[in-house]
Amino acid sequence: MVGFSQSGVEYFRSTLSQLVNESQNLTKSYQDEIRKWTSGQFDNSTLVLITDSFLPKFDNLIDNAKNMIYPKEYKYVHDALVNSLESETDSYRHFRDYHISGNKTEDDISTDLLSLAFQYEQV
């Protein structure tokens, strides 16, 4: 990643901003579904199905983030984005597994991963 022009840096920032926006919108949509579940609008099995429909969308965001071209001085920003997306997505997988198995450890892991994702977002 040597010799990034100013336009290359601007392209990275623009792409980064776009991915962050997509991530925020997807997270908001998923959290809206969680609120519906919390308020009793649907049961655990419906939540599992909804989660299953969201996971590929998060995986796609991760792939897009991993494939970004970035200036080497922005590697830490790129890595934080990828790590945040991966932690958030893994959190939702464990949350899903908790609702299938009832294993409280899965819920605890989910919460820890979501906290980790938030820490990465702070970068």
C-alpha atoms as a PDB file:
ATOM      1  CA  MET A   1       0.000   0.000   0.000  1.00  0.00           C
ATOM      2  CA  VAL A   2       2.751   2.411  -0.950  1.00  0.00           C
ATOM      3  CA  GLY A   3       2.355   5.809  -2.564  1.00  0.00           C
ATOM      4  CA  PHE A   4      -1.304   6.538  -1.915  1.00  0.00           C
ATOM      5  CA  SER A   5      -2.260   9.760  -3.648  1.00  0.00           C
ATOM      6  CA  GLN A   6      -4.454  12.345  -1.989  1.00  0.00           C
ATOM      7  CA  SER A   7      -7.345  11.119  -4.151  1.00  0.00           C
ATOM      8  CA  GLY A   8      -6.589   7.568  -2.959  1.00  0.00           C
ATOM      9  CA  VAL A   9      -6.806   8.676   0.661  1.00  0.00           C
ATOM     10  CA  GLU A  10     -10.062  10.495  -0.088  1.00  0.00           C
ATOM     11  CA  TYR A  11     -11.416   7.361  -1.779  1.00  0.00           C
ATOM     12  CA  PHE A  12     -10.494   5.288   1.299  1.00  0.00           C
ATOM     13  CA  ARG A  13     -12.231   7.756   3.596  1.00  0.00           C
ATOM     14  CA  SER A  14     -15.307   7.803   1.378  1.00  0.00           C
ATOM     15  CA  THR A  15     -15.426   3.998   1.216  1.00  0.00           C
ATOM     16  CA  LEU A  16     -14.888   3.774   4.964  1.00  0.00           C
ATOM     17  CA  SER A  17     -17.707   6.233   5.590  1.00  0.00           C
ATOM     18  CA  GLN A  18     -20.015   4.283   3.293  1.00  0.00           C
ATOM     19  CA  LEU A  19     -19.247   0.990   5.060  1.00  0.00           C
ATOM     20  CA  VAL A  20     -19.746   2.556   8.490  1.00  0.00           C
ATOM     21  CA  ASN A  21     -23.113   3.939   7.353  1.00  0.00           C
ATOM     22  CA  GLU A  22     -24.170   0.553   5.982  1.00  0.00           C
ATOM     23  CA  SER A  23     -23.091  -1.088   9.225  1.00  0.00           C
ATOM     24  CA  GLN A  24     -24.991   1.416  11.358  1.00  0.00           C
ATOM     25  CA  ASN A  25     -28.135   1.018   9.273  1.00  0.00           C
ATOM     26  CA  LEU A  26     -27.938  -2.769   9.392  1.00  0.00           C
ATOM     27  CA  THR A  27     -27.303  -2.750  13.136  1.00  0.00           C
ATOM     28  CA  LYS A  28     -30.244  -0.390  13.675  1.00  0.00           C
ATOM     29  CA  SER A  29     -32.518  -2.646  11.613  1.00  0.00           C
ATOM     30  CA  TYR A  30     -31.460  -5.699  13.593  1.00  0.00           C
ATOM     31  CA  GLN A  31     -31.822  -3.898  16.920  1.00  0.00           C
ATOM     32  CA  ASP A  32     -35.341  -2.849  15.854  1.00  0.00           C
ATOM     33  CA  GLU A  33     -36.131  -6.559  15.462  1.00  0.00           C
ATOM     34  CA  ILE A  34     -34.644  -7.279  18.904  1.00  0.00           C
ATOM     35  CA  ARG A  35     -36.911  -4.586  20.392  1.00  0.00           C
ATOM     36  CA  LYS A  36     -39.933  -6.259  18.762  1.00  0.00           C
ATOM     37  CA  TRP A  37     -38.879  -9.574  20.293  1.00  0.00           C
ATOM     38  CA  THR A  38     -38.293  -7.917  23.680  1.00  0.00           C
ATOM     39  CA  SER A  39     -41.769  -6.391  23.587  1.00  0.00           C
ATOM     40  CA  GLY A  40     -43.283  -9.822  22.871  1.00  0.00           C
ATOM     41  CA  GLN A  41     -44.248  -9.192  19.253  1.00  0.00           C
ATOM     42  CA  PHE A  42     -42.673 -12.539  18.334  1.00  0.00           C
ATOM     43  CA  ASP A  43     -41.096 -15.581  19.957  1.00  0.00           C
ATOM     44  CA  ASN A  44     -37.564 -17.002  20.164  1.00  0.00           C
ATOM     45  CA  SER A  45     -37.896 -19.171  17.058  1.00  0.00           C
ATOM     46  CA  THR A  46     -38.952 -16.164  14.993  1.00  0.00           C
ATOM     47  CA  LEU A  47     -35.981 -14.224  16.391  1.00  0.00           C
ATOM     48  CA  VAL A  48     -33.680 -17.071  15.329  1.00  0.00           C
ATOM     49  CA  LEU A  49     -35.088 -16.909  11.787  1.00  0.00           C
ATOM     50  CA  ILE A  50     -34.673 -13.139  11.707  1.00  0.00           C
ATOM     51  CA  THR A  51     -31.107 -13.454  12.967  1.00  0.00           C
ATOM     52  CA  ASP A  52     -30.424 -16.057  10.275  1.00  0.00           C
ATOM     53  CA  SER A  53     -31.604 -13.556   7.672  1.00  0.00           C
ATOM     54  CA  PHE A  54     -29.329 -10.805   9.016  1.00  0.00           C
ATOM     55  CA  LEU A  55     -26.096 -12.798   9.454  1.00  0.00           C
ATOM     56  CA  PRO A  56     -25.303 -13.048   5.701  1.00  0.00           C
ATOM     57  CA  LYS A  57     -25.752  -9.274   5.426  1.00  0.00           C
ATOM     58  CA  PHE A  58     -23.231  -8.734   8.211  1.00  0.00           C
ATOM     59  CA  ASP A  59     -20.888 -11.289   6.626  1.00  0.00           C
ATOM     60  CA  ASN A  60     -21.105  -9.342   3.371  1.00  0.00           C
ATOM     61  CA  LEU A  61     -20.118  -6.137   5.165  1.00  0.00           C
ATOM     62  CA  ILE A  62     -17.142  -7.950   6.704  1.00  0.00           C
ATOM     63  CA  ASP A  63     -16.045  -9.175   3.274  1.00  0.00           C
ATOM     64  CA  ASN A  64     -16.367  -5.669   1.836  1.00  0.00           C
ATOM     65  CA  ALA A  65     -14.346  -4.225   4.713  1.00  0.00           C
ATOM     66  CA  LYS A  66     -11.631  -6.876   4.385  1.00  0.00           C
ATOM     67  CA  ASN A  67     -11.323  -6.174   0.662  1.00  0.00           C
ATOM     68  CA  MET A  68     -10.901  -2.423   1.083  1.00  0.00           C
ATOM     69  CA  ILE A  69      -7.691  -0.924  -0.193  1.00  0.00           C
ATOM     70  CA  TYR A  70      -6.220   1.394   2.401  1.00  0.00           C
ATOM     71  CA  PRO A  71      -3.130   3.530   2.920  1.00  0.00           C
ATOM     72  CA  LYS A  72      -0.725   1.830   5.319  1.00  0.00           C
ATOM     73  CA  GLU A  73      -1.044   4.702   7.802  1.00  0.00           C
ATOM     74  CA  TYR A  74      -4.752   3.831   8.060  1.00  0.00           C
ATOM     75  CA  LYS A  75      -4.216   0.126   8.702  1.00  0.00           C
ATOM     76  CA  TYR A  76      -5.278   0.543  12.330  1.00  0.00           C
ATOM     77  CA  VAL A  77      -8.570   2.137  11.209  1.00  0.00           C
ATOM     78  CA  HIS A  78      -9.183  -0.636   8.684  1.00  0.00           C
ATOM     79  CA  ASP A  79      -8.356  -3.351  11.216  1.00  0.00           C
ATOM     80  CA  ALA A  80     -10.607  -1.751  13.852  1.00  0.00           C
ATOM     81  CA  LEU A  81     -13.504  -1.686  11.380  1.00  0.00           C
ATOM     82  CA  VAL A  82     -13.030  -5.332  10.409  1.00  0.00           C
ATOM     83  CA  ASN A  83     -12.612  -6.408  14.047  1.00  0.00           C
ATOM     84  CA  SER A  84     -15.697  -4.458  15.107  1.00  0.00           C
ATOM     85  CA  LEU A  85     -17.838  -5.982  12.359  1.00  0.00           C
ATOM     86  CA  GLU A  86     -16.559  -9.490  13.107  1.00  0.00           C
ATOM     87  CA  SER A  87     -17.169  -9.123  16.854  1.00  0.00           C
ATOM     88  CA  GLU A  88     -20.667  -7.751  16.314  1.00  0.00           C
ATOM     89  CA  THR A  89     -21.549 -10.529  13.883  1.00  0.00           C
ATOM     90  CA  ASP A  90     -20.121 -13.222  16.170  1.00  0.00           C
ATOM     91  CA  SER A  91     -22.139 -11.686  18.999  1.00  0.00           C
ATOM     92  CA  TYR A  92     -25.336 -12.152  17.010  1.00  0.00           C
ATOM     93  CA  ARG A  93     -24.374 -15.753  16.194  1.00  0.00           C
ATOM     94  CA  HIS A  94     -23.936 -16.514  19.891  1.00  0.00           C
ATOM     95  CA  PHE A  95     -27.172 -14.674  20.705  1.00  0.00           C
ATOM     96  CA  ARG A  96     -28.906 -16.879  18.127  1.00  0.00           C
ATOM     97  CA  ASP A  97     -27.304 -20.011  19.581  1.00  0.00           C
ATOM     98  CA  TYR A  98     -28.429 -18.980  23.056  1.00  0.00           C
ATOM     99  CA  HIS A  99     -32.030 -18.870  21.851  1.00  0.00           C
ATOM    100  CA  ILE A 100     -31.698 -22.309  20.295  1.00  0.00           C
ATOM    101  CA  SER A 101     -29.878 -24.022  23.155  1.00  0.00           C
ATOM    102  CA  GLY A 102     -30.883 -21.994  26.211  1.00  0.00           C
ATOM    103  CA  ASN A 103     -27.209 -22.112  27.226  1.00  0.00           C
ATOM    104  CA  LYS A 104     -26.624 -18.929  29.280  1.00  0.00           C
ATOM    105  CA  THR A 105     -22.904 -19.021  28.411  1.00  0.00           C
ATOM    106  CA  GLU A 106     -23.828 -18.268  24.794  1.00  0.00           C
ATOM    107  CA  ASP A 107     -25.690 -15.161  25.957  1.00  0.00           C
ATOM    108  CA  ASP A 108     -22.700 -14.065  28.069  1.00  0.00           C
ATOM    109  CA  ILE A 109     -20.320 -14.556  25.125  1.00  0.00           C
ATOM    110  CA  SER A 110     -22.716 -12.575  22.934  1.00  0.00           C
ATOM    111  CA  THR A 111     -22.723  -9.666  25.390  1.00  0.00           C
ATOM    112  CA  ASP A 112     -18.916  -9.710  25.707  1.00  0.00           C
ATOM    113  CA  LEU A 113     -18.478  -9.708  21.922  1.00  0.00           C
ATOM    114  CA  LEU A 114     -20.885  -6.819  21.511  1.00  0.00           C
ATOM    115  CA  SER A 115     -18.888  -4.841  24.100  1.00  0.00           C
ATOM    116  CA  LEU A 116     -15.701  -5.670  22.218  1.00  0.00           C
ATOM    117  CA  ALA A 117     -17.254  -4.511  18.941  1.00  0.00           C
ATOM    118  CA  PHE A 118     -18.133  -1.199  20.587  1.00  0.00           C
ATOM    119  CA  GLN A 119     -14.527  -0.814  21.811  1.00  0.00           C
ATOM    120  CA  TYR A 120     -13.227  -1.318  18.281  1.00  0.00           C
ATOM    121  CA  GLU A 121     -15.736   1.256  17.021  1.00  0.00           C
ATOM    122  CA  GLN A 122     -14.169   3.846  19.293  1.00  0.00           C
ATOM    123  CA  VAL A 123     -10.979   3.698  17.194  1.00  0.00           C
END
